[in-house]
Structures are given as C-alpha cells and as structure tokens.
Protein backbone atom coordinates (compact mmCIF):
# COMPACT_ATOMS: atom_id res chain seq x y z
CA MET A 1 62.53 -3.18 -13.21
CA ALA A 2 62.52 -5.38 -16.59
CA ILE A 3 63.00 -4.77 -20.23
CA VAL A 4 59.40 -5.93 -21.83
CA GLY A 5 59.19 -5.43 -25.47
CA GLY A 6 62.28 -3.23 -25.76
CA GLN A 7 60.79 -0.88 -22.81
CA ILE A 8 61.87 -0.47 -19.37
CA MET A 9 58.66 -1.35 -16.94
CA THR A 10 59.01 -0.81 -13.53
CA VAL A 11 56.60 -2.34 -10.48
CA LEU A 12 57.14 -0.70 -7.26
CA GLU A 13 55.10 -1.90 -4.26
CA SER A 14 54.52 -0.98 -0.69
CA ILE A 15 52.31 -2.95 1.46
CA GLU A 16 50.92 -1.11 4.66
CA PRO A 17 48.56 -2.60 7.32
CA ASP A 18 45.68 -0.80 5.63
CA VAL A 19 46.46 -0.35 1.98
CA HIS A 20 48.63 -2.13 -0.49
CA HIS A 21 50.06 0.51 -2.96
CA VAL A 22 51.55 -0.31 -6.57
CA VAL A 23 52.90 1.80 -8.86
CA LEU A 24 53.38 0.91 -12.57
CA ARG A 25 55.96 2.58 -14.92
CA GLY A 26 56.19 2.58 -18.72
CA ARG A 27 53.98 1.85 -21.53
CA LEU A 28 51.06 -0.85 -21.27
CA ASP A 29 50.67 -2.35 -24.54
CA LEU A 30 50.69 -5.49 -26.40
CA ARG A 31 54.32 -6.17 -25.88
CA SER A 32 54.72 -5.49 -22.26
CA VAL A 33 51.19 -6.74 -20.70
CA PRO A 34 51.93 -10.35 -21.20
CA ASP A 35 54.90 -9.94 -18.94
CA LEU A 36 53.42 -8.02 -16.54
CA ARG A 37 50.30 -9.81 -16.06
CA MET A 38 51.63 -12.47 -13.84
CA THR A 39 53.47 -10.09 -11.59
CA VAL A 40 50.21 -7.95 -11.23
CA HIS A 41 47.89 -10.63 -10.80
CA ARG A 42 49.69 -12.22 -7.89
CA ILE A 43 49.84 -8.84 -6.24
CA VAL A 44 45.97 -8.57 -6.96
CA GLY A 45 45.51 -12.00 -5.52
CA ASP A 46 47.54 -11.52 -2.35
CA GLY A 47 45.97 -9.79 0.75
CA THR A 48 42.54 -8.58 1.44
CA THR A 49 43.57 -4.75 2.08
CA PRO A 50 42.76 -1.90 -0.50
CA LEU A 51 44.76 -2.14 -3.56
CA HIS A 52 45.83 1.56 -4.67
CA LEU A 53 47.12 1.73 -8.30
CA ASP A 54 49.50 4.24 -9.39
CA LEU A 55 49.36 5.03 -13.11
CA ALA A 56 50.76 8.63 -12.82
CA GLU A 57 53.84 7.56 -14.89
CA ALA A 58 52.06 4.59 -17.00
CA GLN A 59 50.97 5.13 -20.45
CA ILE A 60 47.97 3.19 -22.26
CA GLY A 61 49.45 2.03 -25.59
CA ASP A 62 46.64 0.24 -27.01
CA THR A 63 43.36 -1.63 -26.04
CA THR A 64 45.44 -4.63 -24.58
CA GLY A 65 46.97 -1.98 -22.16
CA PHE A 66 43.47 -0.63 -21.38
CA GLY A 67 42.12 -4.19 -21.26
CA PHE A 68 44.79 -5.16 -18.69
CA LEU A 69 43.59 -2.39 -16.39
CA VAL A 70 40.11 -3.69 -16.68
CA GLU A 71 40.97 -7.21 -15.98
CA CYS A 72 43.03 -6.37 -12.86
CA ALA A 73 39.74 -4.64 -11.76
CA ARG A 74 37.42 -7.66 -12.53
CA ARG A 75 40.25 -10.07 -10.83
CA ALA A 76 40.09 -7.87 -7.78
CA ALA A 77 36.32 -7.36 -7.42
CA ARG A 78 36.03 -11.29 -7.67
CA ARG A 79 38.63 -11.78 -4.74
CA GLY A 80 36.29 -8.99 -2.99
CA ARG A 81 39.28 -6.62 -2.70
CA VAL A 82 38.83 -2.96 -3.44
CA LEU A 83 40.97 -1.60 -6.19
CA ARG A 84 41.28 2.12 -7.04
CA VAL A 85 43.74 4.26 -9.45
CA VAL A 86 44.82 6.66 -7.13
CA ALA A 87 47.10 8.58 -10.14
CA ALA A 88 46.95 8.48 -13.71
CA GLU A 89 47.62 10.72 -16.88
CA ASP A 90 44.63 12.60 -18.07
CA ARG A 91 44.20 10.28 -21.00
CA THR A 92 43.96 7.34 -19.00
CA VAL A 93 41.31 9.08 -16.78
CA ARG A 94 39.62 9.92 -19.90
CA LEU A 95 39.49 6.20 -21.08
CA LEU A 96 38.13 4.80 -17.83
CA ARG A 97 35.35 7.41 -17.46
CA ARG A 98 34.27 6.54 -20.97
CA ALA A 99 34.44 2.91 -20.22
CA ARG A 100 32.10 3.60 -17.33
CA LEU A 101 34.85 2.62 -14.95
CA GLY A 102 35.17 6.22 -13.08
CA HIS A 103 34.41 4.43 -9.92
CA LEU A 104 38.02 2.87 -9.93
CA LEU A 105 39.36 6.53 -9.87
CA ALA A 106 40.29 7.70 -6.22
CA MET A 107 42.31 10.60 -4.76
CA PRO A 108 45.09 9.31 -2.50
CA GLU A 109 44.29 9.72 1.00
CA GLN A 110 47.71 9.59 2.49
CA THR A 111 51.41 9.09 1.17
CA VAL A 112 52.46 5.39 1.43
CA GLY A 113 55.84 4.23 2.92
CA THR A 114 58.95 3.71 0.84
CA LEU A 115 58.15 1.40 -2.56
CA THR A 116 60.31 -1.34 -3.37
CA ALA A 117 61.07 -2.84 -6.65
CA LEU A 118 59.73 -6.04 -7.57
C-alpha cells in the first residue's frame, strides 16, 4: 500500500503456476500513475504466464489512468504475454470497449490464491 498523490493506492499480487493475478485498488490518474508505473511494468515484464488484472476497486480518473491501462496491454503484448482484465467497474468496461480494447476483457476462470501486498 502506498499514498500516491494524497490517495491510498494498493497493488496486490498472487503468482500461481498458470496465472499471475494483480489487483489494483484506488484512483488511476495523473497523480497516481507515475508512481505505479514502475511496479506494474515490473509485474508485466516478469514471467510468461497469463496476467489477470483485477480493476474492480480501481477507478479511471482521467486519460492518464486509461492510457496507463493501454500502455500495460501493449507492453504485455510486446513481451508475448497475455493480459486480461478479469474484473472492472462498468465505466472502465465501457471505456475499454469504446477504445476497441474489448478483447482485454475476460471473466475469471477460478479464484486465485491469497494475494500479498507489494
């Protein structure tokens, strides 16, 4: 957990043999994204298993927050890693679909083990 731009941001991570599950909690915006970028890019760059991104408790605050999601998807694709958004607020789902990124949306297939805070 970290205080980013006056807000509490949380990144939880669980690594299983067949999936890497990451939960982002808080507001993704101009103030929070720069501090989250290094952590999330490290996660995207590590490993080869599919990456499941849970955004159920994350809010897209501005275009920087949305751009951050697009950047993560592109980085994963360049590394040959599958990235799927397994949970998100309705607004985030609509934004992804409008930007023709609906292919990133997926339903969770299973509950992933205990998550640990970074």
